[in-house]
Amino acid sequence: MDKISITQEEDGTLHNAETFVLDKLFNKDGSEDYFVNMRELMASIDNTTMSPLLDQAIEELIAESLIHSIDGENYQITPDGISELKSRKSEPIPL
């Protein structure tokens, strides 16, 4: 099987999409029962460019146990996801 090569630019774009998802799932009010319906989130963005990235970002975040879903439609950030989001927000912005 051939390994898929991800360019640095694609990797950075995926990283940004993951951060976007984590940020949208982070509940600023602190409720632990806070779920976000991804269909509603995806309907609010540019589907031609962001939709494929969000699907991939969601898959990656689930694989890393940073988000989870009980029903496949509504997603919740995990405590590890909150820590990762805080870490990403403290990263320097590349020039």
N, C-alpha and C. Protein backbone atom coordinates (compact mmCIF):
# COMPACT_ATOMS: atom_id res chain seq x y z
N MET A 1 0.84 -1.18 0.00
CA MET A 1 0.00 0.00 0.00
C MET A 1 0.89 1.24 0.00
N ASP A 2 0.55 2.21 -0.83
CA ASP A 2 1.30 3.46 -0.90
C ASP A 2 0.95 4.36 0.27
N LYS A 3 1.95 5.01 0.80
CA LYS A 3 1.74 5.96 1.87
C LYS A 3 1.32 7.30 1.27
N ILE A 4 0.31 7.92 1.84
CA ILE A 4 -0.15 9.21 1.35
C ILE A 4 0.74 10.29 1.93
N SER A 5 1.27 11.12 1.06
CA SER A 5 2.15 12.19 1.48
C SER A 5 1.33 13.46 1.71
N ILE A 6 1.50 14.05 2.86
CA ILE A 6 0.81 15.30 3.18
C ILE A 6 1.85 16.41 3.17
N THR A 7 1.60 17.42 2.35
CA THR A 7 2.54 18.53 2.30
C THR A 7 2.45 19.32 3.59
N GLN A 8 3.46 20.15 3.82
CA GLN A 8 3.47 20.98 5.03
C GLN A 8 2.28 21.92 5.03
N GLU A 9 1.93 22.45 3.87
CA GLU A 9 0.79 23.37 3.78
C GLU A 9 -0.51 22.66 4.10
N GLU A 10 -0.70 21.44 3.55
CA GLU A 10 -1.91 20.68 3.83
C GLU A 10 -1.99 20.32 5.31
N ASP A 11 -0.84 19.94 5.89
CA ASP A 11 -0.79 19.60 7.30
C ASP A 11 -1.17 20.80 8.17
N GLY A 12 -0.68 21.98 7.80
CA GLY A 12 -1.03 23.20 8.53
C GLY A 12 -2.50 23.55 8.39
N THR A 13 -3.06 23.32 7.20
CA THR A 13 -4.47 23.60 6.98
C THR A 13 -5.33 22.64 7.79
N LEU A 14 -4.95 21.37 7.82
CA LEU A 14 -5.68 20.39 8.63
C LEU A 14 -5.59 20.75 10.11
N HIS A 15 -4.40 21.15 10.54
CA HIS A 15 -4.20 21.57 11.94
C HIS A 15 -5.15 22.73 12.28
N ASN A 16 -5.27 23.69 11.36
CA ASN A 16 -6.18 24.82 11.56
C ASN A 16 -7.63 24.36 11.62
N ALA A 17 -8.01 23.41 10.77
CA ALA A 17 -9.37 22.88 10.78
C ALA A 17 -9.65 22.15 12.09
N GLU A 18 -8.68 21.40 12.58
CA GLU A 18 -8.84 20.71 13.86
C GLU A 18 -9.02 21.72 14.99
N THR A 19 -8.20 22.76 14.98
CA THR A 19 -8.30 23.80 16.01
C THR A 19 -9.66 24.48 15.94
N PHE A 20 -10.16 24.73 14.74
CA PHE A 20 -11.48 25.33 14.55
C PHE A 20 -12.56 24.44 15.18
N VAL A 21 -12.50 23.13 14.93
CA VAL A 21 -13.48 22.20 15.49
C VAL A 21 -13.38 22.18 17.02
N LEU A 22 -12.16 22.08 17.54
CA LEU A 22 -11.99 22.06 19.00
C LEU A 22 -12.57 23.33 19.63
N ASP A 23 -12.30 24.46 19.00
CA ASP A 23 -12.78 25.74 19.52
C ASP A 23 -14.31 25.78 19.51
N LYS A 24 -14.93 25.27 18.45
CA LYS A 24 -16.39 25.27 18.37
C LYS A 24 -17.01 24.32 19.38
N LEU A 25 -16.30 23.26 19.73
CA LEU A 25 -16.82 22.29 20.70
C LEU A 25 -16.55 22.69 22.14
N PHE A 26 -15.62 23.62 22.33
CA PHE A 26 -15.29 24.05 23.68
C PHE A 26 -16.42 24.91 24.23
N ASN A 27 -16.97 24.49 25.35
CA ASN A 27 -18.08 25.21 25.97
C ASN A 27 -17.53 26.27 26.91
N LYS A 28 -17.72 27.49 26.52
CA LYS A 28 -17.22 28.61 27.33
C LYS A 28 -17.96 28.73 28.67
N ASP A 29 -19.16 28.14 28.76
CA ASP A 29 -19.94 28.22 30.00
C ASP A 29 -19.56 27.16 31.02
N GLY A 30 -18.78 26.16 30.61
CA GLY A 30 -18.31 25.16 31.55
C GLY A 30 -19.22 23.97 31.76
N SER A 31 -20.34 23.88 31.05
CA SER A 31 -21.24 22.74 31.19
C SER A 31 -20.58 21.50 30.60
N GLU A 32 -20.64 20.38 31.31
CA GLU A 32 -20.03 19.16 30.81
C GLU A 32 -20.93 18.42 29.83
N ASP A 33 -22.20 18.78 29.73
CA ASP A 33 -23.13 18.13 28.83
C ASP A 33 -23.35 18.96 27.57
N TYR A 34 -22.29 19.56 27.07
CA TYR A 34 -22.36 20.45 25.93
C TYR A 34 -21.97 19.70 24.67
N PHE A 35 -22.95 19.49 23.77
CA PHE A 35 -22.72 18.81 22.51
C PHE A 35 -22.99 19.77 21.37
N VAL A 36 -22.27 19.60 20.25
CA VAL A 36 -22.47 20.41 19.07
C VAL A 36 -22.81 19.48 17.91
N ASN A 37 -23.86 19.82 17.18
CA ASN A 37 -24.25 19.05 16.01
C ASN A 37 -23.38 19.51 14.85
N MET A 38 -22.59 18.61 14.30
CA MET A 38 -21.65 18.97 13.25
C MET A 38 -22.34 19.36 11.95
N ARG A 39 -23.52 18.83 11.68
CA ARG A 39 -24.24 19.23 10.46
C ARG A 39 -24.55 20.72 10.50
N GLU A 40 -24.96 21.21 11.66
CA GLU A 40 -25.24 22.64 11.81
C GLU A 40 -23.96 23.46 11.66
N LEU A 41 -22.88 22.97 12.23
CA LEU A 41 -21.59 23.65 12.11
C LEU A 41 -21.14 23.69 10.65
N MET A 42 -21.25 22.57 9.96
CA MET A 42 -20.81 22.51 8.58
C MET A 42 -21.70 23.36 7.66
N ALA A 43 -22.95 23.53 8.02
CA ALA A 43 -23.84 24.36 7.21
C ALA A 43 -23.47 25.84 7.32
N SER A 44 -22.75 26.20 8.36
CA SER A 44 -22.41 27.60 8.58
C SER A 44 -21.07 28.01 7.95
N ILE A 45 -20.40 27.08 7.27
CA ILE A 45 -19.10 27.39 6.67
C ILE A 45 -19.16 27.23 5.16
N ASP A 46 -18.07 27.58 4.49
CA ASP A 46 -17.94 27.42 3.05
C ASP A 46 -17.73 25.95 2.74
N ASN A 47 -18.76 25.29 2.22
CA ASN A 47 -18.70 23.85 1.98
C ASN A 47 -17.69 23.44 0.92
N THR A 48 -17.36 24.30 -0.01
CA THR A 48 -16.46 23.90 -1.08
C THR A 48 -15.03 23.72 -0.60
N THR A 49 -14.60 24.50 0.37
CA THR A 49 -13.21 24.38 0.81
C THR A 49 -13.07 23.76 2.20
N MET A 50 -13.96 24.08 3.12
CA MET A 50 -13.80 23.63 4.49
C MET A 50 -14.43 22.27 4.77
N SER A 51 -15.50 21.91 4.10
CA SER A 51 -16.22 20.69 4.41
C SER A 51 -15.34 19.44 4.38
N PRO A 52 -14.58 19.21 3.32
CA PRO A 52 -13.71 18.02 3.33
C PRO A 52 -12.67 18.06 4.45
N LEU A 53 -12.16 19.24 4.73
CA LEU A 53 -11.18 19.37 5.81
C LEU A 53 -11.81 19.09 7.17
N LEU A 54 -13.04 19.55 7.38
CA LEU A 54 -13.69 19.31 8.66
C LEU A 54 -13.96 17.83 8.87
N ASP A 55 -14.36 17.13 7.83
CA ASP A 55 -14.57 15.69 7.95
C ASP A 55 -13.27 15.00 8.38
N GLN A 56 -12.18 15.35 7.72
CA GLN A 56 -10.89 14.76 8.05
C GLN A 56 -10.45 15.18 9.45
N ALA A 57 -10.66 16.44 9.80
CA ALA A 57 -10.28 16.93 11.13
C ALA A 57 -11.04 16.18 12.22
N ILE A 58 -12.34 15.98 11.99
CA ILE A 58 -13.16 15.27 12.97
C ILE A 58 -12.66 13.83 13.14
N GLU A 59 -12.34 13.17 12.03
CA GLU A 59 -11.81 11.80 12.11
C GLU A 59 -10.51 11.77 12.90
N GLU A 60 -9.62 12.72 12.63
CA GLU A 60 -8.34 12.77 13.34
C GLU A 60 -8.54 13.04 14.83
N LEU A 61 -9.42 13.96 15.15
CA LEU A 61 -9.66 14.31 16.55
C LEU A 61 -10.28 13.15 17.32
N ILE A 62 -11.16 12.40 16.67
CA ILE A 62 -11.74 11.21 17.32
C ILE A 62 -10.65 10.17 17.54
N ALA A 63 -9.81 9.95 16.52
CA ALA A 63 -8.73 8.97 16.63
C ALA A 63 -7.77 9.32 17.77
N GLU A 64 -7.58 10.61 18.00
CA GLU A 64 -6.69 11.06 19.07
C GLU A 64 -7.41 11.20 20.41
N SER A 65 -8.68 10.83 20.45
CA SER A 65 -9.52 10.92 21.67
C SER A 65 -9.64 12.34 22.20
N LEU A 66 -9.62 13.33 21.28
CA LEU A 66 -9.78 14.72 21.69
C LEU A 66 -11.24 15.16 21.62
N ILE A 67 -12.04 14.44 20.84
CA ILE A 67 -13.49 14.64 20.81
C ILE A 67 -14.15 13.26 20.75
N HIS A 68 -15.44 13.21 21.07
CA HIS A 68 -16.17 11.96 20.94
C HIS A 68 -17.63 12.25 20.62
N SER A 69 -18.30 11.20 20.17
CA SER A 69 -19.71 11.28 19.82
C SER A 69 -20.39 9.98 20.23
N ILE A 70 -21.55 10.11 20.83
CA ILE A 70 -22.29 8.91 21.21
C ILE A 70 -23.15 8.43 20.04
N ASP A 71 -23.61 9.38 19.23
CA ASP A 71 -24.56 9.03 18.17
C ASP A 71 -24.06 9.30 16.76
N GLY A 72 -22.85 9.78 16.60
CA GLY A 72 -22.30 10.04 15.27
C GLY A 72 -22.72 11.37 14.66
N GLU A 73 -23.54 12.13 15.35
CA GLU A 73 -23.99 13.43 14.85
C GLU A 73 -23.64 14.58 15.78
N ASN A 74 -23.70 14.31 17.06
CA ASN A 74 -23.41 15.34 18.07
C ASN A 74 -22.08 15.01 18.73
N TYR A 75 -21.21 16.02 18.76
CA TYR A 75 -19.85 15.81 19.25
C TYR A 75 -19.58 16.64 20.49
N GLN A 76 -18.68 16.10 21.31
CA GLN A 76 -18.29 16.77 22.55
C GLN A 76 -16.78 16.71 22.67
N ILE A 77 -16.21 17.79 23.16
CA ILE A 77 -14.76 17.82 23.39
C ILE A 77 -14.46 17.06 24.68
N THR A 78 -13.33 16.37 24.71
CA THR A 78 -12.91 15.63 25.90
C THR A 78 -11.98 16.51 26.74
N PRO A 79 -11.71 16.12 27.98
CA PRO A 79 -10.73 16.88 28.77
C PRO A 79 -9.38 16.99 28.07
N ASP A 80 -8.95 15.92 27.39
CA ASP A 80 -7.70 15.98 26.63
C ASP A 80 -7.82 16.97 25.48
N GLY A 81 -9.00 17.06 24.88
CA GLY A 81 -9.24 18.02 23.80
C GLY A 81 -9.16 19.44 24.29
N ILE A 82 -9.65 19.68 25.51
CA ILE A 82 -9.58 21.03 26.09
C ILE A 82 -8.11 21.40 26.33
N SER A 83 -7.35 20.46 26.85
CA SER A 83 -5.91 20.71 27.07
C SER A 83 -5.20 20.98 25.75
N GLU A 84 -5.54 20.21 24.72
CA GLU A 84 -4.93 20.40 23.41
C GLU A 84 -5.30 21.76 22.82
N LEU A 85 -6.55 22.16 22.97
CA LEU A 85 -6.99 23.46 22.47
C LEU A 85 -6.22 24.58 23.15
N LYS A 86 -6.08 24.49 24.47
CA LYS A 86 -5.32 25.52 25.20
C LYS A 86 -3.87 25.55 24.73
N SER A 87 -3.30 24.39 24.48
CA SER A 87 -1.92 24.31 23.99
C SER A 87 -1.80 24.96 22.61
N ARG A 88 -2.76 24.66 21.74
CA ARG A 88 -2.72 25.22 20.37
C ARG A 88 -2.91 26.73 20.38
N LYS A 89 -3.75 27.22 21.28
CA LYS A 89 -3.98 28.66 21.34
C LYS A 89 -2.76 29.42 21.88
N SER A 90 -1.91 28.71 22.60
CA SER A 90 -0.71 29.36 23.13
C SER A 90 0.48 29.25 22.17
N GLU A 91 0.31 28.51 21.07
CA GLU A 91 1.39 28.38 20.09
C GLU A 91 1.61 29.72 19.38
N PRO A 92 2.86 29.99 19.04
CA PRO A 92 3.11 31.21 18.26
C PRO A 92 2.52 31.07 16.86
N ILE A 93 2.02 32.16 16.33
CA ILE A 93 1.45 32.17 14.99
C ILE A 93 2.60 32.26 13.99
N PRO A 94 2.64 31.27 13.03
CA PRO A 94 3.75 31.32 12.06
C PRO A 94 3.62 32.53 11.14
N LEU A 95 4.75 33.11 10.79
CA LEU A 95 4.76 34.28 9.91
C LEU A 95 4.81 33.88 8.47
